[in-house]
PDB file of N, CA and C in Angstrom:
ATOM      1  N   MET A   1     128.317 240.350 -43.785  1.00  0.00           N
ATOM      2  CA  MET A   1     128.142 238.900 -43.750  1.00  0.00           C
ATOM      3  C   MET A   1     128.938 238.238 -44.849  1.00  0.00           C
ATOM      4  N   ASN A   2     129.466 237.029 -44.504  1.00  0.00           N
ATOM      5  CA  ASN A   2     130.173 236.290 -45.573  1.00  0.00           C
ATOM      6  C   ASN A   2     129.192 235.415 -46.274  1.00  0.00           C
ATOM      7  N   GLU A   3     129.589 234.754 -47.317  1.00  0.00           N
ATOM      8  CA  GLU A   3     128.660 233.904 -48.039  1.00  0.00           C
ATOM      9  C   GLU A   3     128.145 232.799 -47.175  1.00  0.00           C
ATOM     10  N   ARG A   4     128.911 232.159 -46.345  1.00  0.00           N
ATOM     11  CA  ARG A   4     128.357 231.101 -45.549  1.00  0.00           C
ATOM     12  C   ARG A   4     127.330 231.553 -44.545  1.00  0.00           C
ATOM     13  N   GLN A   5     127.479 232.663 -43.885  1.00  0.00           N
ATOM     14  CA  GLN A   5     126.527 233.319 -43.045  1.00  0.00           C
ATOM     15  C   GLN A   5     125.263 233.611 -43.822  1.00  0.00           C
ATOM     16  N   GLN A   6     125.373 234.127 -45.118  1.00  0.00           N
ATOM     17  CA  GLN A   6     124.185 234.419 -45.901  1.00  0.00           C
ATOM     18  C   GLN A   6     123.507 233.080 -46.178  1.00  0.00           C
ATOM     19  N   ALA A   7     124.180 232.070 -46.448  1.00  0.00           N
ATOM     20  CA  ALA A   7     123.549 230.831 -46.817  1.00  0.00           C
ATOM     21  C   ALA A   7     122.877 230.174 -45.631  1.00  0.00           C
ATOM     22  N   LEU A   8     123.463 230.324 -44.442  1.00  0.00           N
ATOM     23  CA  LEU A   8     122.770 229.859 -43.269  1.00  0.00           C
ATOM     24  C   LEU A   8     121.448 230.519 -42.938  1.00  0.00           C
ATOM     25  N   LEU A   9     121.370 231.776 -43.428  1.00  0.00           N
ATOM     26  CA  LEU A   9     120.057 232.509 -43.288  1.00  0.00           C
ATOM     27  C   LEU A   9     119.098 232.333 -44.415  1.00  0.00           C
ATOM     28  N   GLY A  10     119.453 231.579 -45.396  1.00  0.00           N
ATOM     29  CA  GLY A  10     118.538 231.326 -46.493  1.00  0.00           C
ATOM     30  C   GLY A  10     119.006 231.911 -47.825  1.00  0.00           C
ATOM     31  N   GLY A  11     120.134 232.496 -47.787  1.00  0.00           N
ATOM     32  CA  GLY A  11     120.706 232.949 -49.056  1.00  0.00           C
ATOM     33  C   GLY A  11     120.021 234.055 -49.715  1.00  0.00           C
ATOM     34  N   ALA A  12     120.421 234.283 -50.987  1.00  0.00           N
ATOM     35  CA  ALA A  12     119.938 235.482 -51.796  1.00  0.00           C
ATOM     36  C   ALA A  12     118.306 235.544 -51.828  1.00  0.00           C
ATOM     37  N   PRO A  13     117.631 234.445 -51.973  1.00  0.00           N
ATOM     38  CA  PRO A  13     116.217 234.515 -52.062  1.00  0.00           C
ATOM     39  C   PRO A  13     115.633 235.133 -50.866  1.00  0.00           C
ATOM     40  N   VAL A  14     116.200 234.872 -49.621  1.00  0.00           N
ATOM     41  CA  VAL A  14     115.562 235.430 -48.428  1.00  0.00           C
ATOM     42  C   VAL A  14     115.851 236.962 -48.362  1.00  0.00           C
ATOM     43  N   PHE A  15     117.154 237.344 -48.711  1.00  0.00           N
ATOM     44  CA  PHE A  15     117.463 238.657 -48.599  1.00  0.00           C
ATOM     45  C   PHE A  15     116.741 239.498 -49.669  1.00  0.00           C
ATOM     46  N   SER A  16     116.570 238.916 -50.871  1.00  0.00           N
ATOM     47  CA  SER A  16     115.765 239.607 -51.856  1.00  0.00           C
ATOM     48  C   SER A  16     114.365 239.800 -51.521  1.00  0.00           C
ATOM     49  N   ALA A  17     113.791 238.767 -50.782  1.00  0.00           N
ATOM     50  CA  ALA A  17     112.369 238.811 -50.324  1.00  0.00           C
ATOM     51  C   ALA A  17     112.103 239.942 -49.359  1.00  0.00           C
ATOM     52  N   ILE A  18     113.147 240.199 -48.481  1.00  0.00           N
ATOM     53  CA  ILE A  18     112.945 241.268 -47.427  1.00  0.00           C
ATOM     54  C   ILE A  18     113.393 242.577 -47.917  1.00  0.00           C
ATOM     55  N   GLY A  19     113.836 242.721 -49.116  1.00  0.00           N
ATOM     56  CA  GLY A  19     114.207 243.946 -49.714  1.00  0.00           C
ATOM     57  C   GLY A  19     115.656 244.438 -49.589  1.00  0.00           C
ATOM     58  N   VAL A  20     116.533 243.607 -49.304  1.00  0.00           N
ATOM     59  CA  VAL A  20     117.877 244.069 -49.174  1.00  0.00           C
ATOM     60  C   VAL A  20     118.489 244.342 -50.584  1.00  0.00           C
ATOM     61  N   PRO A  21     119.017 245.544 -50.752  1.00  0.00           N
ATOM     62  CA  PRO A  21     119.488 246.041 -52.112  1.00  0.00           C
ATOM     63  C   PRO A  21     120.562 245.150 -52.646  1.00  0.00           C
ATOM     64  N   GLY A  22     120.386 244.708 -53.963  1.00  0.00           N
ATOM     65  CA  GLY A  22     121.398 244.005 -54.697  1.00  0.00           C
ATOM     66  C   GLY A  22     121.119 242.483 -54.687  1.00  0.00           C
ATOM     67  N   PHE A  23     120.256 242.043 -53.798  1.00  0.00           N
ATOM     68  CA  PHE A  23     119.904 240.617 -53.817  1.00  0.00           C
ATOM     69  C   PHE A  23     118.823 240.241 -54.719  1.00  0.00           C
ATOM     70  N   ALA A  24     118.209 241.230 -55.480  1.00  0.00           N
ATOM     71  CA  ALA A  24     117.300 240.842 -56.488  1.00  0.00           C
ATOM     72  C   ALA A  24     117.931 240.038 -57.550  1.00  0.00           C
ATOM     73  N   ARG A  25     119.184 240.373 -57.755  1.00  0.00           N
ATOM     74  CA  ARG A  25     120.041 239.655 -58.710  1.00  0.00           C
ATOM     75  C   ARG A  25     120.884 238.578 -58.100  1.00  0.00           C
ATOM     76  N   GLY A  26     120.731 238.419 -56.869  1.00  0.00           N
ATOM     77  CA  GLY A  26     121.584 237.289 -56.105  1.00  0.00           C
ATOM     78  C   GLY A  26     122.998 237.788 -55.804  1.00  0.00           C
ATOM     79  N   GLY A  27     123.235 239.135 -55.884  1.00  0.00           N
ATOM     80  CA  GLY A  27     124.546 239.595 -55.620  1.00  0.00           C
ATOM     81  C   GLY A  27     124.847 239.919 -54.250  1.00  0.00           C
ATOM     82  N   ILE A  28     126.066 240.166 -53.978  1.00  0.00           N
ATOM     83  CA  ILE A  28     126.476 240.530 -52.572  1.00  0.00           C
ATOM     84  C   ILE A  28     126.780 241.985 -52.486  1.00  0.00           C
ATOM     85  N   VAL A  29     126.203 242.719 -51.560  1.00  0.00           N
ATOM     86  CA  VAL A  29     126.439 244.160 -51.459  1.00  0.00           C
ATOM     87  C   VAL A  29     127.575 244.446 -50.465  1.00  0.00           C
ATOM     88  N   THR A  30     128.504 245.131 -50.967  1.00  0.00           N
ATOM     89  CA  THR A  30     129.633 245.541 -50.034  1.00  0.00           C
ATOM     90  C   THR A  30     129.536 247.074 -49.844  1.00  0.00           C
ATOM     91  N   SER A  31     129.579 247.481 -48.647  1.00  0.00           N
ATOM     92  CA  SER A  31     129.603 248.881 -48.354  1.00  0.00           C
ATOM     93  C   SER A  31     129.905 249.148 -46.958  1.00  0.00           C
ATOM     94  N   SER A  32     130.046 250.417 -46.512  1.00  0.00           N
ATOM     95  CA  SER A  32     130.377 250.742 -45.176  1.00  0.00           C
ATOM     96  C   SER A  32     128.978 250.851 -44.406  1.00  0.00           C
ATOM     97  N   SER A  33     129.123 250.975 -43.022  1.00  0.00           N
ATOM     98  CA  SER A  33     127.971 251.000 -42.180  1.00  0.00           C
ATOM     99  C   SER A  33     127.036 252.178 -42.499  1.00  0.00           C
ATOM    100  N   PRO A  34     127.525 253.348 -42.661  1.00  0.00           N
ATOM    101  CA  PRO A  34     126.536 254.489 -42.959  1.00  0.00           C
ATOM    102  C   PRO A  34     125.678 254.181 -44.220  1.00  0.00           C
ATOM    103  N   THR A  35     126.376 253.694 -45.269  1.00  0.00           N
ATOM    104  CA  THR A  35     125.734 253.348 -46.515  1.00  0.00           C
ATOM    105  C   THR A  35     124.657 252.259 -46.272  1.00  0.00           C
ATOM    106  N   ILE A  36     124.993 251.314 -45.566  1.00  0.00           N
ATOM    107  CA  ILE A  36     123.928 250.264 -45.222  1.00  0.00           C
ATOM    108  C   ILE A  36     122.855 250.788 -44.462  1.00  0.00           C
ATOM    109  N   GLN A  37     123.189 251.585 -43.492  1.00  0.00           N
ATOM    110  CA  GLN A  37     122.026 252.288 -42.639  1.00  0.00           C
ATOM    111  C   GLN A  37     121.093 253.038 -43.595  1.00  0.00           C
ATOM    112  N   ASN A  38     121.648 253.888 -44.439  1.00  0.00           N
ATOM    113  CA  ASN A  38     120.864 254.644 -45.370  1.00  0.00           C
ATOM    114  C   ASN A  38     120.083 253.807 -46.282  1.00  0.00           C
ATOM    115  N   SER A  39     120.584 252.729 -46.779  1.00  0.00           N
ATOM    116  CA  SER A  39     119.834 251.820 -47.656  1.00  0.00           C
ATOM    117  C   SER A  39     118.692 251.217 -46.945  1.00  0.00           C
ATOM    118  N   ILE A  40     118.863 250.834 -45.672  1.00  0.00           N
ATOM    119  CA  ILE A  40     117.761 250.313 -44.871  1.00  0.00           C
ATOM    120  C   ILE A  40     116.699 251.332 -44.754  1.00  0.00           C
ATOM    121  N   VAL A  41     116.951 252.605 -44.417  1.00  0.00           N
ATOM    122  CA  VAL A  41     116.017 253.568 -44.212  1.00  0.00           C
ATOM    123  C   VAL A  41     115.408 253.871 -45.598  1.00  0.00           C
ATOM    124  N   ASN A  42     116.212 254.221 -46.614  1.00  0.00           N
ATOM    125  CA  ASN A  42     115.649 254.734 -47.870  1.00  0.00           C
ATOM    126  C   ASN A  42     114.890 253.662 -48.733  1.00  0.00           C
ATOM    127  N   ASN A  43     115.244 252.367 -48.549  1.00  0.00           N
ATOM    128  CA  ASN A  43     114.553 251.380 -49.374  1.00  0.00           C
ATOM    129  C   ASN A  43     113.529 250.581 -48.543  1.00  0.00           C
ATOM    130  N   ASN A  44     113.116 251.053 -47.400  1.00  0.00           N
ATOM    131  CA  ASN A  44     112.090 250.348 -46.612  1.00  0.00           C
ATOM    132  C   ASN A  44     112.247 248.950 -46.425  1.00  0.00           C
ATOM    133  N   ILE A  45     113.394 248.525 -46.007  1.00  0.00           N
ATOM    134  CA  ILE A  45     113.683 247.137 -45.787  1.00  0.00           C
ATOM    135  C   ILE A  45     112.847 246.716 -44.578  1.00  0.00           C
ATOM    136  N   ASN A  46     112.307 245.562 -44.669  1.00  0.00           N
ATOM    137  CA  ASN A  46     111.469 245.046 -43.563  1.00  0.00           C
ATOM    138  C   ASN A  46     112.298 244.526 -42.440  1.00  0.00           C
ATOM    139  N   VAL A  47     112.568 245.349 -41.513  1.00  0.00           N
ATOM    140  CA  VAL A  47     113.548 245.063 -40.515  1.00  0.00           C
ATOM    141  C   VAL A  47     112.944 244.016 -39.605  1.00  0.00           C
ATOM    142  N   GLU A  48     111.630 244.015 -39.427  1.00  0.00           N
ATOM    143  CA  GLU A  48     110.987 242.908 -38.527  1.00  0.00           C
ATOM    144  C   GLU A  48     111.158 241.597 -39.129  1.00  0.00           C
ATOM    145  N   ALA A  49     110.955 241.524 -40.538  1.00  0.00           N
ATOM    146  CA  ALA A  49     111.181 240.291 -41.213  1.00  0.00           C
ATOM    147  C   ALA A  49     112.602 239.731 -41.134  1.00  0.00           C
ATOM    148  N   MET A  50     113.639 240.728 -41.247  1.00  0.00           N
ATOM    149  CA  MET A  50     114.930 240.384 -41.232  1.00  0.00           C
ATOM    150  C   MET A  50     115.317 239.927 -39.790  1.00  0.00           C
ATOM    151  N   ALA A  51     114.797 240.623 -38.759  1.00  0.00           N
ATOM    152  CA  ALA A  51     114.976 240.149 -37.295  1.00  0.00           C
ATOM    153  C   ALA A  51     114.413 238.767 -37.037  1.00  0.00           C
ATOM    154  N   GLU A  52     113.343 238.425 -37.695  1.00  0.00           N
ATOM    155  CA  GLU A  52     112.688 237.102 -37.475  1.00  0.00           C
ATOM    156  C   GLU A  52     113.515 236.010 -38.087  1.00  0.00           C
ATOM    157  N   ILE A  53     114.143 236.331 -39.296  1.00  0.00           N
ATOM    158  CA  ILE A  53     114.923 235.344 -39.997  1.00  0.00           C
ATOM    159  C   ILE A  53     116.194 235.061 -39.132  1.00  0.00           C
ATOM    160  N   PHE A  54     116.783 236.178 -38.663  1.00  0.00           N
ATOM    161  CA  PHE A  54     117.985 235.992 -37.840  1.00  0.00           C
ATOM    162  C   PHE A  54     117.588 235.230 -36.526  1.00  0.00           C
ATOM    163  N   ARG A  55     116.509 235.558 -35.890  1.00  0.00           N
ATOM    164  CA  ARG A  55     116.058 234.897 -34.666  1.00  0.00           C
ATOM    165  C   ARG A  55     115.926 233.373 -34.870  1.00  0.00           C
ATOM    166  N   GLN A  56     115.201 233.041 -36.017  1.00  0.00           N
ATOM    167  CA  GLN A  56     114.984 231.597 -36.346  1.00  0.00           C
ATOM    168  C   GLN A  56     116.268 230.937 -36.668  1.00  0.00           C
ATOM    169  N   ALA A  57     117.187 231.600 -37.408  1.00  0.00           N
ATOM    170  CA  ALA A  57     118.478 230.997 -37.769  1.00  0.00           C
ATOM    171  C   ALA A  57     119.381 230.752 -36.502  1.00  0.00           C
ATOM    172  N   VAL A  58     119.384 231.704 -35.642  1.00  0.00           N
ATOM    173  CA  VAL A  58     120.126 231.496 -34.348  1.00  0.00           C
ATOM    174  C   VAL A  58     119.547 230.358 -33.582  1.00  0.00           C
ATOM    175  N   MET A  59     118.243 230.300 -33.443  1.00  0.00           N
ATOM    176  CA  MET A  59     117.582 229.224 -32.706  1.00  0.00           C
ATOM    177  C   MET A  59     117.889 227.841 -33.339  1.00  0.00           C
ATOM    178  N   ASP A  60     117.814 227.801 -34.611  1.00  0.00           N
ATOM    179  CA  ASP A  60     118.047 226.515 -35.410  1.00  0.00           C
ATOM    180  C   ASP A  60     119.568 226.082 -35.117  1.00  0.00           C
ATOM    181  N   GLY A  61     120.478 227.102 -35.166  1.00  0.00           N
ATOM    182  CA  GLY A  61     121.810 226.755 -34.926  1.00  0.00           C
ATOM    183  C   GLY A  61     122.120 226.359 -33.597  1.00  0.00           C
ATOM    184  N   ALA A  62     121.436 226.949 -32.578  1.00  0.00           N
ATOM    185  CA  ALA A  62     121.590 226.560 -31.198  1.00  0.00           C
ATOM    186  C   ALA A  62     121.133 225.129 -30.944  1.00  0.00           C
ATOM    187  N   ILE A  63     119.940 224.857 -31.461  1.00  0.00           N
ATOM    188  CA  ILE A  63     119.389 223.504 -31.454  1.00  0.00           C
ATOM    189  C   ILE A  63     120.362 222.414 -32.059  1.00  0.00           C
ATOM    190  N   SER A  64     120.761 222.770 -33.231  1.00  0.00           N
ATOM    191  CA  SER A  64     121.640 221.841 -33.996  1.00  0.00           C
ATOM    192  C   SER A  64     122.917 221.704 -33.174  1.00  0.00           C
ATOM    193  N   GLY A  65     123.550 222.763 -32.706  1.00  0.00           N
ATOM    194  CA  GLY A  65     124.800 222.740 -32.043  1.00  0.00           C
ATOM    195  C   GLY A  65     124.654 221.907 -30.723  1.00  0.00           C
ATOM    196  N   THR A  66     123.517 222.137 -29.947  1.00  0.00           N
ATOM    197  CA  THR A  66     123.367 221.448 -28.689  1.00  0.00           C
ATOM    198  C   THR A  66     123.238 219.968 -28.948  1.00  0.00           C
ATOM    199  N   TYR A  67     122.438 219.624 -30.001  1.00  0.00           N
ATOM    200  CA  TYR A  67     122.174 218.197 -30.271  1.00  0.00           C
ATOM    201  C   TYR A  67     123.521 217.528 -30.571  1.00  0.00           C
ATOM    202  N   SER A  68     124.263 218.138 -31.569  1.00  0.00           N
ATOM    203  CA  SER A  68     125.563 217.580 -32.016  1.00  0.00           C
ATOM    204  C   SER A  68     126.594 217.537 -30.862  1.00  0.00           C
ATOM    205  N   GLY A  69     126.650 218.544 -30.038  1.00  0.00           N
ATOM    206  CA  GLY A  69     127.595 218.574 -28.922  1.00  0.00           C
ATOM    207  C   GLY A  69     127.249 217.510 -27.856  1.00  0.00           C
ATOM    208  N   SER A  70     125.871 217.349 -27.554  1.00  0.00           N
ATOM    209  CA  SER A  70     125.404 216.350 -26.585  1.00  0.00           C
ATOM    210  C   SER A  70     125.725 214.961 -27.106  1.00  0.00           C
ATOM    211  N   ARG A  71     125.558 214.662 -28.380  1.00  0.00           N
ATOM    212  CA  ARG A  71     125.787 213.238 -28.890  1.00  0.00           C
ATOM    213  C   ARG A  71     127.203 212.936 -28.851  1.00  0.00           C
ATOM    214  N   LYS A  72     128.101 213.957 -29.230  1.00  0.00           N
ATOM    215  CA  LYS A  72     129.549 213.707 -29.132  1.00  0.00           C
ATOM    216  C   LYS A  72     129.909 213.577 -27.636  1.00  0.00           C
ATOM    217  N   GLY A  73     129.445 214.310 -26.745  1.00  0.00           N
ATOM    218  CA  GLY A  73     129.721 214.138 -25.278  1.00  0.00           C
ATOM    219  C   GLY A  73     129.302 212.740 -24.821  1.00  0.00           C
ATOM    220  N   ILE A  74     128.188 212.298 -25.145  1.00  0.00           N
ATOM    221  CA  ILE A  74     127.755 210.858 -24.778  1.00  0.00           C
ATOM    222  C   ILE A  74     128.684 209.866 -25.399  1.00  0.00           C
ATOM    223  N   VAL A  75     129.103 209.982 -26.592  1.00  0.00           N
ATOM    224  CA  VAL A  75     129.942 209.026 -27.292  1.00  0.00           C
ATOM    225  C   VAL A  75     131.284 209.056 -26.570  1.00  0.00           C
ATOM    226  N   ASP A  76     131.906 210.267 -26.307  1.00  0.00           N
ATOM    227  CA  ASP A  76     133.123 210.455 -25.640  1.00  0.00           C
ATOM    228  C   ASP A  76     133.170 209.824 -24.296  1.00  0.00           C
ATOM    229  N   LEU A  77     132.009 210.001 -23.491  1.00  0.00           N
ATOM    230  CA  LEU A  77     131.872 209.469 -22.150  1.00  0.00           C
ATOM    231  C   LEU A  77     131.814 207.955 -22.173  1.00  0.00           C
ATOM    232  N   THR A  78     131.109 207.461 -23.192  1.00  0.00           N
ATOM    233  CA  THR A  78     131.024 205.942 -23.294  1.00  0.00           C
ATOM    234  C   THR A  78     132.380 205.437 -23.548  1.00  0.00           C
ATOM    235  N   GLU A  79     133.038 205.989 -24.528  1.00  0.00           N
ATOM    236  CA  GLU A  79     134.416 205.538 -24.881  1.00  0.00           C
ATOM    237  C   GLU A  79     135.374 205.539 -23.723  1.00  0.00           C
ATOM    238  N   ASN A  80     135.322 206.709 -22.949  1.00  0.00           N
ATOM    239  CA  ASN A  80     136.230 206.847 -21.813  1.00  0.00           C
ATOM    240  C   ASN A  80     135.909 205.800 -20.758  1.00  0.00           C
ATOM    241  N   SER A  81     134.633 205.499 -20.538  1.00  0.00           N
ATOM    242  CA  SER A  81     134.236 204.473 -19.651  1.00  0.00           C
ATOM    243  C   SER A  81     134.724 203.133 -20.049  1.00  0.00           C
ATOM    244  N   TYR A  82     134.624 202.807 -21.335  1.00  0.00           N
ATOM    245  CA  TYR A  82     135.058 201.581 -21.794  1.00  0.00           C
ATOM    246  C   TYR A  82     136.551 201.393 -21.610  1.00  0.00           C
ATOM    247  N   ILE A  83     137.295 202.463 -21.932  1.00  0.00           N
ATOM    248  CA  ILE A  83     138.758 202.393 -21.760  1.00  0.00           C
ATOM    249  C   ILE A  83     139.155 202.231 -20.270  1.00  0.00           C
ATOM    250  N   ALA A  84     138.407 202.977 -19.386  1.00  0.00           N
ATOM    251  CA  ALA A  84     138.770 202.950 -18.022  1.00  0.00           C
ATOM    252  C   ALA A  84     138.468 201.598 -17.381  1.00  0.00           C
ATOM    253  N   ASN A  85     137.440 200.892 -17.926  1.00  0.00           N
ATOM    254  CA  ASN A  85     136.966 199.566 -17.341  1.00  0.00           C
ATOM    255  C   ASN A  85     137.654 198.475 -18.191  1.00  0.00           C
ATOM    256  N   GLY A  86     138.578 198.833 -19.081  1.00  0.00           N
ATOM    257  CA  GLY A  86     139.275 197.832 -19.884  1.00  0.00           C
ATOM    258  C   GLY A  86     138.591 196.794 -20.466  1.00  0.00           C
TER     259      GLY A  86
END
């Protein structure tokens, strides 16, 4: 995950709270997939809590994106109608 993606999910405090290694200090952990998988197993990361955070972030993003896209679509439609009707 990049810094933006981490921030959208609540940043270092959230990752620290669910036990992701390295986030107790606010750092970013870089490693390969097997190392990450071993960390999850060996450090008892709360996978359910992490999944819930992801689920909520995805839902919030979908709501925000739908709202923003709908507003822009309505504005564009109004402008197009105004131009067409001169």
